Protein backbone atom coordinates (compact mmCIF):
# COMPACT_ATOMS: atom_id res chain seq x y z
CA MET A 1 2.49 15.08 15.20
CA PRO A 2 5.69 13.93 17.10
CA ASN A 3 7.42 11.54 14.85
CA ALA A 4 6.07 11.46 11.16
CA LEU A 5 7.43 9.97 7.66
CA ILE A 6 5.42 12.09 4.72
CA ALA A 7 5.58 11.18 0.99
CA ILE A 8 6.38 13.89 -1.30
CA VAL A 9 4.95 12.48 -4.49
CA PRO A 10 6.15 13.76 -8.00
CA CYS A 11 3.13 14.18 -10.41
CA ARG A 12 2.67 16.35 -13.83
CA ASN A 13 -0.65 17.90 -13.00
CA LEU A 14 -1.12 18.94 -9.42
CA ASP A 15 -4.83 19.34 -9.94
CA THR A 16 -5.14 15.72 -11.69
CA SER A 17 -3.35 14.55 -8.86
CA GLU A 18 -5.20 16.28 -5.88
CA ALA A 19 -8.37 15.09 -7.35
CA PHE A 20 -7.62 11.72 -7.41
CA TYR A 21 -6.11 11.65 -3.47
CA GLU A 22 -9.52 13.47 -2.52
CA ARG A 23 -11.34 10.28 -3.36
CA LEU A 24 -8.91 8.90 -1.02
CA GLY A 25 -9.82 10.99 1.90
CA PHE A 26 -7.50 13.86 1.43
CA ARG A 27 -8.15 17.15 0.77
CA ARG A 28 -5.68 20.23 0.38
CA HIS A 29 -4.12 21.38 3.66
CA ASP A 30 -2.39 24.41 2.75
CA SER A 31 -3.07 27.12 -0.19
CA ASP A 32 -1.40 26.46 -3.36
CA SER A 33 2.33 27.44 -3.48
CA GLY A 34 2.64 27.07 -7.39
CA ASN A 35 4.29 23.64 -7.31
CA TYR A 36 3.62 21.91 -4.47
CA ARG A 37 0.59 21.09 -2.66
CA ILE A 38 0.00 19.56 0.86
CA LEU A 39 -2.95 17.21 1.49
CA ALA A 40 -4.22 16.02 4.48
CA ASN A 41 -7.12 13.31 5.84
CA ASP A 42 -9.18 13.22 8.94
CA GLY A 43 -6.64 10.71 10.53
CA GLY A 44 -3.61 12.93 10.65
CA GLY A 45 -2.16 11.52 7.19
CA GLU A 46 -0.61 13.94 5.15
CA LEU A 47 0.76 13.55 1.58
CA HIS A 48 2.67 16.43 -0.41
CA LEU A 49 2.61 16.73 -4.11
CA VAL A 50 5.14 18.38 -6.17
CA ILE A 51 5.78 19.04 -9.90
CA ALA A 52 7.93 16.27 -11.17
CA PRO A 53 10.92 17.93 -12.79
CA ASP A 54 11.26 16.95 -16.76
CA GLY A 55 12.22 13.02 -17.47
CA TRP A 56 11.32 11.87 -13.64
CA LEU A 57 7.93 10.04 -14.67
CA VAL A 58 8.14 7.60 -17.71
CA THR A 59 4.66 6.48 -18.92
CA ASP A 60 4.79 2.91 -17.87
CA ARG A 61 8.03 2.89 -15.73
CA ASN A 62 6.93 5.00 -12.59
CA PRO A 63 8.82 3.48 -9.83
CA PHE A 64 7.15 4.93 -6.86
CA GLY A 65 4.55 3.83 -4.65
CA LEU A 66 2.67 4.72 -1.67
CA TYR A 67 0.65 2.36 1.40
CA PHE A 68 -2.34 3.93 2.85
CA TYR A 69 -3.12 2.10 6.22
CA THR A 70 -6.71 2.62 7.04
CA GLU A 71 -9.71 0.52 8.51
CA GLY A 72 -11.77 2.12 5.86
CA VAL A 73 -10.54 -0.40 3.19
CA ASP A 74 -14.01 -1.58 2.28
CA GLU A 75 -15.52 1.78 2.34
CA LEU A 76 -12.83 3.17 -0.01
CA ALA A 77 -13.09 -0.22 -2.07
CA ARG A 78 -16.60 0.65 -2.91
CA ARG A 79 -16.37 4.01 -3.59
CA LEU A 80 -13.55 3.38 -5.97
CA GLY A 81 -15.00 0.10 -7.63
CA GLN A 82 -12.01 -2.14 -6.12
CA THR A 83 -12.26 -5.57 -4.37
CA PRO A 84 -10.12 -6.10 -1.11
CA GLU A 85 -8.58 -9.20 -0.43
CA ASP A 86 -6.80 -10.76 2.67
CA LYS A 87 -3.28 -11.21 1.03
CA PRO A 88 -0.37 -14.13 2.12
CA TRP A 89 1.18 -11.61 3.98
CA GLY A 90 -1.38 -10.50 6.42
CA MET A 91 -2.86 -7.68 4.79
CA TYR A 92 -6.44 -7.08 3.85
CA GLU A 93 -5.55 -4.69 0.69
CA PHE A 94 -6.52 -3.36 -3.02
CA ALA A 95 -4.15 -1.59 -5.45
CA LEU A 96 -4.75 1.00 -8.01
CA SER A 97 -2.51 3.66 -9.78
CA ASP A 98 -2.85 7.23 -9.50
CA PRO A 99 -2.90 9.70 -12.63
CA ASP A 100 1.07 9.22 -13.00
CA GLN A 101 1.11 5.79 -12.41
CA THR A 102 2.06 5.81 -8.63
CA LEU A 103 1.29 2.38 -7.15
CA VAL A 104 -1.27 2.98 -4.44
CA ARG A 105 -2.05 -0.08 -1.87
CA VAL A 106 -4.74 0.70 0.53
CA GLY A 107 -5.22 -1.93 3.28
CA TRP A 108 -4.81 -2.92 6.78
CA PRO A 109 -3.64 -6.16 9.23
CA SER A 110 -5.98 -8.94 8.14
CA ARG A 111 -5.96 -9.63 12.12
CA LEU A 112 -7.17 -6.32 13.16
CA ARG A 113 -10.35 -6.48 11.00
CA MET A 114 -13.37 -6.88 12.76
CA PRO A 115 -14.92 -10.30 12.57
CA GLN A 116 -18.52 -8.95 10.96
CA SER A 117 -16.37 -7.32 8.10
CA ARG A 118 -14.94 -10.69 6.58
């Protein structure tokens, strides 16, 4: 991975968060090191989970967000009970929140979608 920017996502419970991100295709990449876990997917994506310090995650006020770029938008949407749509900003996407209300958008550029998938 010559150049990469990887999100470190604060959470209250590593097991609960890991289970959520497994539904998006991420699985544990390293052993559990206590308060920190590294997840990865088959496409080379990584996501780090860390136990949030007290006071960081306030119910209904989580300021964190992620954007997961993937060609598999439709497959993930079906698996998660979501309905993706083409947005005015040129993305085909859907959004949901993780267990700690981190906004997770899943999308792919509308212009790159295969014609038969529309």
